[in-house]
N, C-alpha and C. Protein backbone atom coordinates (compact mmCIF):
# COMPACT_ATOMS: atom_id res chain seq x y z
N MET A 1 -17.22 7.46 8.34
CA MET A 1 -15.74 7.52 8.40
C MET A 1 -14.67 6.92 9.17
N GLY A 2 -14.17 6.19 9.11
CA GLY A 2 -12.97 5.46 9.66
C GLY A 2 -12.25 6.49 10.51
N HIS A 3 -11.25 5.69 10.79
CA HIS A 3 -10.26 6.78 12.34
C HIS A 3 -9.02 7.34 11.21
N MET A 4 -9.08 8.93 11.43
CA MET A 4 -8.03 9.77 10.56
C MET A 4 -6.98 9.40 11.17
N ALA A 5 -6.14 9.25 10.19
CA ALA A 5 -4.67 9.05 10.33
C ALA A 5 -3.58 10.17 9.54
N ASN A 6 -2.49 10.11 10.98
CA ASN A 6 -1.30 11.47 10.28
C ASN A 6 0.16 10.52 9.97
N TYR A 7 0.79 10.91 9.10
CA TYR A 7 1.99 10.34 8.71
C TYR A 7 3.11 10.97 8.33
N ILE A 8 4.41 10.71 8.35
CA ILE A 8 5.79 11.11 8.33
C ILE A 8 6.31 10.36 7.34
N ALA A 9 6.83 10.72 6.06
CA ALA A 9 7.49 9.93 5.54
C ALA A 9 8.96 10.83 5.07
N ILE A 10 10.10 10.18 5.39
CA ILE A 10 11.29 10.56 5.55
C ILE A 10 11.70 9.99 3.93
N ILE A 11 12.64 10.74 3.18
CA ILE A 11 12.96 10.21 2.44
C ILE A 11 14.34 10.64 1.48
N GLU A 12 15.52 9.53 1.66
CA GLU A 12 16.67 10.21 1.08
C GLU A 12 16.97 9.74 -0.12
N LEU A 13 17.41 10.57 -1.01
CA LEU A 13 17.63 10.23 -2.47
C LEU A 13 19.32 10.36 -2.22
N HIS A 14 19.73 9.06 -2.60
CA HIS A 14 21.05 8.26 -2.71
C HIS A 14 21.85 9.62 -3.82
N GLU A 15 22.48 9.96 -3.53
CA GLU A 15 23.46 11.03 -4.54
C GLU A 15 22.88 12.09 -5.28
N ALA A 16 21.53 12.59 -4.73
CA ALA A 16 20.96 13.73 -5.56
C ALA A 16 21.68 14.93 -4.84
N GLY A 17 22.10 15.86 -5.82
CA GLY A 17 22.74 16.95 -5.50
C GLY A 17 22.25 17.96 -6.09
N ASN A 18 20.85 18.26 -6.34
CA ASN A 18 20.79 19.84 -6.55
C ASN A 18 19.24 19.89 -5.77
N GLU A 19 18.55 21.08 -5.94
CA GLU A 19 17.44 21.56 -5.55
C GLU A 19 16.32 20.90 -6.53
N GLU A 20 16.83 21.02 -7.53
CA GLU A 20 15.50 20.30 -8.71
C GLU A 20 15.81 18.87 -8.14
N ASP A 21 16.13 18.15 -7.78
CA ASP A 21 15.93 16.52 -7.70
C ASP A 21 14.86 16.42 -6.55
N PHE A 22 14.72 17.67 -5.71
CA PHE A 22 14.10 17.58 -4.53
C PHE A 22 12.47 18.29 -4.93
N GLU A 23 12.63 19.04 -6.09
CA GLU A 23 11.40 19.75 -6.57
C GLU A 23 10.86 18.68 -7.04
N GLN A 24 11.28 17.61 -7.81
CA GLN A 24 10.90 16.38 -8.42
C GLN A 24 10.20 15.65 -7.68
N LEU A 25 10.96 15.43 -6.71
CA LEU A 25 10.26 14.54 -5.54
C LEU A 25 9.03 15.16 -4.42
N ASP A 26 9.25 16.40 -4.42
CA ASP A 26 7.74 17.32 -3.43
C ASP A 26 6.56 17.31 -4.84
N ALA A 27 6.94 17.53 -6.19
CA ALA A 27 5.60 17.56 -7.04
C ALA A 27 5.43 15.75 -6.70
N ALA A 28 6.16 14.95 -7.32
CA ALA A 28 5.39 13.08 -6.87
C ALA A 28 4.88 13.25 -5.67
N MET A 29 5.16 13.75 -4.68
CA MET A 29 4.53 13.71 -3.38
C MET A 29 3.35 14.44 -3.11
N GLU A 30 3.25 15.33 -3.52
CA GLU A 30 2.54 15.97 -3.57
C GLU A 30 0.75 15.48 -4.32
N GLU A 31 1.09 15.03 -5.74
CA GLU A 31 0.25 14.32 -6.37
C GLU A 31 -0.46 12.93 -5.36
N ARG A 32 0.34 12.40 -4.77
CA ARG A 32 0.11 11.19 -3.72
C ARG A 32 -0.28 11.85 -2.25
N GLN A 33 -0.74 13.29 -2.03
CA GLN A 33 -1.46 14.08 -0.98
C GLN A 33 -0.34 14.51 0.24
N PHE A 34 0.84 14.12 -0.50
CA PHE A 34 1.98 14.31 1.00
C PHE A 34 2.09 15.69 0.32
N SER A 35 2.53 16.72 1.42
CA SER A 35 3.12 17.92 1.54
C SER A 35 4.32 18.24 2.77
N PRO A 36 5.41 18.85 1.90
CA PRO A 36 6.55 19.22 2.27
C PRO A 36 6.45 20.02 3.73
N GLN A 37 4.70 20.34 4.04
CA GLN A 37 4.46 21.42 4.99
C GLN A 37 3.83 20.43 6.63
N ILE A 38 4.06 20.69 7.62
CA ILE A 38 3.26 20.25 8.45
C ILE A 38 2.38 21.23 9.51
N ARG A 39 1.18 20.79 9.81
CA ARG A 39 0.33 21.97 10.35
C ARG A 39 0.51 21.52 11.83
N ASP A 40 0.29 22.64 12.74
CA ASP A 40 -0.47 22.79 14.09
C ASP A 40 -1.30 22.45 14.53
N ASP A 41 -1.59 22.17 15.95
CA ASP A 41 -3.50 22.13 16.42
C ASP A 41 -3.94 23.50 15.90
N GLU A 42 -3.48 24.42 16.08
CA GLU A 42 -4.42 25.62 15.59
C GLU A 42 -4.12 25.76 14.03
N GLY A 43 -3.41 25.03 13.22
CA GLY A 43 -3.62 24.89 11.61
C GLY A 43 -2.58 25.49 10.73
N LYS A 44 -1.69 26.60 11.47
CA LYS A 44 -0.66 27.05 10.97
C LYS A 44 0.31 26.13 10.63
N ALA A 45 0.83 26.25 9.18
CA ALA A 45 1.96 25.68 8.32
C ALA A 45 3.09 25.87 9.00
N TYR A 46 4.41 24.84 8.38
CA TYR A 46 5.52 24.89 8.87
C TYR A 46 6.26 24.13 7.77
N TRP A 47 7.33 24.70 7.49
CA TRP A 47 7.80 23.59 6.77
C TRP A 47 8.82 22.57 7.10
N MET A 48 8.81 21.23 6.67
CA MET A 48 9.73 20.57 6.99
C MET A 48 10.97 20.08 6.53
N PRO A 49 11.47 19.77 7.37
CA PRO A 49 13.57 19.49 6.37
C PRO A 49 13.40 18.74 5.01
N GLU A 50 14.10 18.94 4.42
CA GLU A 50 14.24 18.67 3.20
C GLU A 50 13.93 16.94 3.16
N GLY A 51 13.09 16.59 2.41
CA GLY A 51 13.10 15.24 2.29
C GLY A 51 12.39 14.57 2.92
N SER A 52 11.56 14.91 4.04
CA SER A 52 10.44 14.64 5.02
C SER A 52 8.91 15.93 4.27
N TYR A 53 7.91 14.70 4.40
CA TYR A 53 7.05 14.90 3.91
C TYR A 53 5.78 14.47 5.30
N ALA A 54 4.45 15.26 5.19
CA ALA A 54 3.30 14.70 6.20
C ALA A 54 1.97 14.90 5.37
N ILE A 55 1.13 13.79 5.62
CA ILE A 55 -0.22 13.61 5.15
C ILE A 55 -0.90 13.42 6.45
N GLN A 56 -1.93 14.86 7.00
CA GLN A 56 -2.56 14.62 8.09
C GLN A 56 -4.13 14.24 7.60
N ASN A 57 -4.63 13.91 8.73
CA ASN A 57 -5.93 13.48 8.72
C ASN A 57 -6.75 12.95 7.38
N THR A 58 -6.18 12.11 7.16
CA THR A 58 -5.87 11.00 5.99
C THR A 58 -6.83 9.76 6.34
N GLU A 59 -7.59 9.15 5.49
CA GLU A 59 -8.23 7.75 6.11
C GLU A 59 -7.43 6.51 5.17
N MET A 60 -5.94 6.95 4.81
CA MET A 60 -5.37 6.08 4.02
C MET A 60 -4.43 5.38 5.27
N VAL A 61 -4.40 3.84 5.20
CA VAL A 61 -3.55 3.23 6.04
C VAL A 61 -2.00 3.07 6.15
N LEU A 62 -1.37 2.53 6.86
CA LEU A 62 0.34 2.92 6.92
C LEU A 62 0.42 2.41 5.67
N LYS A 63 0.29 1.14 4.85
CA LYS A 63 1.13 0.49 4.10
C LYS A 63 0.69 1.12 3.02
N ALA A 64 -0.56 2.01 2.60
CA ALA A 64 -0.94 2.39 1.66
C ALA A 64 0.03 4.03 1.46
N ALA A 65 0.28 4.73 2.57
CA ALA A 65 1.36 5.65 2.67
C ALA A 65 2.38 5.27 2.20
N HIS A 66 3.01 4.14 2.99
CA HIS A 66 4.38 3.61 2.47
C HIS A 66 4.85 3.36 1.01
N ASP A 67 3.61 2.73 0.14
CA ASP A 67 3.13 2.18 -0.79
C ASP A 67 3.86 3.30 -1.53
N ALA A 68 2.84 4.80 -1.41
CA ALA A 68 2.63 6.08 -2.04
C ALA A 68 4.19 6.78 -1.97
N ALA A 69 4.45 6.71 -1.08
CA ALA A 69 5.94 7.06 -0.89
C ALA A 69 6.97 6.86 -1.70
N VAL A 70 7.15 5.46 -1.77
CA VAL A 70 7.97 4.51 -2.81
C VAL A 70 7.80 4.79 -3.95
N GLY A 71 6.84 4.68 -4.42
CA GLY A 71 6.37 5.26 -5.89
C GLY A 71 6.50 6.37 -6.33
N ALA A 72 6.31 7.77 -5.53
CA ALA A 72 7.45 9.09 -5.71
C ALA A 72 8.35 9.07 -5.79
N ALA A 73 9.16 8.63 -4.74
CA ALA A 73 10.86 8.27 -4.80
C ALA A 73 11.02 7.52 -6.06
N GLY A 74 10.50 6.33 -6.16
CA GLY A 74 11.12 5.69 -7.40
C GLY A 74 11.04 6.58 -8.88
N GLU A 75 10.24 7.38 -8.87
CA GLU A 75 9.96 8.45 -10.04
C GLU A 75 11.02 9.27 -10.13
N SER A 76 11.85 9.30 -8.79
CA SER A 76 12.95 10.47 -8.63
C SER A 76 14.02 10.16 -10.12
N GLY A 77 14.21 8.56 -10.13
CA GLY A 77 15.30 8.26 -10.72
C GLY A 77 16.43 8.08 -9.95
N PHE A 78 16.27 8.18 -8.60
CA PHE A 78 17.51 7.97 -8.15
C PHE A 78 17.22 6.63 -7.37
N ASP A 79 18.56 6.33 -6.39
CA ASP A 79 18.46 4.92 -5.11
C ASP A 79 17.81 5.65 -3.99
N PHE A 80 17.27 5.17 -3.53
CA PHE A 80 16.52 5.72 -2.35
C PHE A 80 16.52 5.28 -0.80
N SER A 81 16.45 5.80 0.21
CA SER A 81 15.80 5.43 1.62
C SER A 81 14.73 5.65 1.96
N ILE A 82 13.76 5.45 2.58
CA ILE A 82 12.72 5.78 3.10
C ILE A 82 11.83 5.17 4.40
N MET A 83 11.26 6.19 4.87
CA MET A 83 10.65 5.63 6.31
C MET A 83 9.53 6.21 6.63
N VAL A 84 8.26 5.79 6.82
CA VAL A 84 7.02 6.41 6.85
C VAL A 84 6.51 6.04 8.04
N THR A 85 6.15 6.76 8.89
CA THR A 85 5.67 6.50 10.32
C THR A 85 4.56 7.05 10.96
N SER A 86 3.39 6.79 11.10
CA SER A 86 2.26 7.07 12.10
C SER A 86 2.18 7.87 12.99
N PHE A 87 1.60 9.03 13.47
CA PHE A 87 2.00 9.67 14.59
C PHE A 87 0.51 10.63 14.95
N GLU A 88 -0.16 10.26 16.46
CA GLU A 88 -0.97 11.20 16.90
C GLU A 88 -0.61 12.44 17.37
N GLU A 89 0.84 12.57 17.96
CA GLU A 89 1.12 13.83 18.43
C GLU A 89 2.82 14.19 17.83
N CYS A 90 2.77 15.60 17.55
CA CYS A 90 3.78 15.73 17.09
C CYS A 90 4.99 17.00 17.71
N GLU A 91 6.02 17.00 18.21
CA GLU A 91 6.78 18.22 18.47
C GLU A 91 7.75 18.68 17.64
N TRP A 92 7.94 19.93 17.53
CA TRP A 92 8.88 20.45 16.74
C TRP A 92 9.52 21.92 17.11
N THR A 93 10.97 21.73 16.72
CA THR A 93 11.44 23.18 17.34
C THR A 93 12.07 23.49 15.90
N ASN A 94 12.12 25.05 16.15
CA ASN A 94 12.64 26.11 14.68
C ASN A 94 12.35 25.60 12.88
N LEU A 95 10.85 25.08 13.11
CA LEU A 95 10.85 24.87 11.55
C LEU A 95 10.20 26.45 11.20
N THR A 96 10.47 26.22 10.07
CA THR A 96 9.99 27.76 9.39
C THR A 96 8.57 28.04 8.77
N PRO A 97 8.01 29.05 9.41
CA PRO A 97 6.27 29.24 9.25
C PRO A 97 6.44 29.77 7.62
N VAL A 98 5.55 28.65 6.94
CA VAL A 98 4.97 29.04 5.95
C VAL A 98 4.26 30.48 5.25
N GLU A 99 4.15 31.25 4.66
CA GLU A 99 3.48 32.11 4.39
C GLU A 99 2.35 32.01 3.91
N GLU A 100 1.41 32.96 4.36
CA GLU A 100 0.53 32.38 3.85
C GLU A 100 -0.04 32.10 2.41
N SER A 101 0.60 32.72 1.59
CA SER A 101 0.45 32.63 0.06
C SER A 101 1.46 31.09 -0.30
N GLU A 102 2.02 30.95 0.43
CA GLU A 102 2.37 29.66 -0.09
C GLU A 102 2.32 27.90 0.74
N ALA A 103 1.13 28.48 1.41
CA ALA A 103 0.41 27.29 2.41
C ALA A 103 -0.65 26.50 1.94
N LYS A 104 -0.23 25.06 1.61
CA LYS A 104 -0.95 24.03 0.83
C LYS A 104 -2.09 23.43 1.45
């Protein structure tokens, strides 16, 4: 088994104005293994800011993660800006904990 990687994708949908636009993006990202949730070292999940997604403990390489996110954003029908970065550690403040029933 290769090195396991973690990525965060940040996507801005230009001129997207309502929650449905982001729900479609969420679904397209989840089809590509990205989640709007991030997990801490104890496995507890937190909601990421809108338009932000994580994929943790994957064998995917950065270019593949970027291409997957671009594909999902492209399905939205909006022009978009995107950034995907890898991380080994991540700190956050004031993210909302995910209820157990909503954990993915």
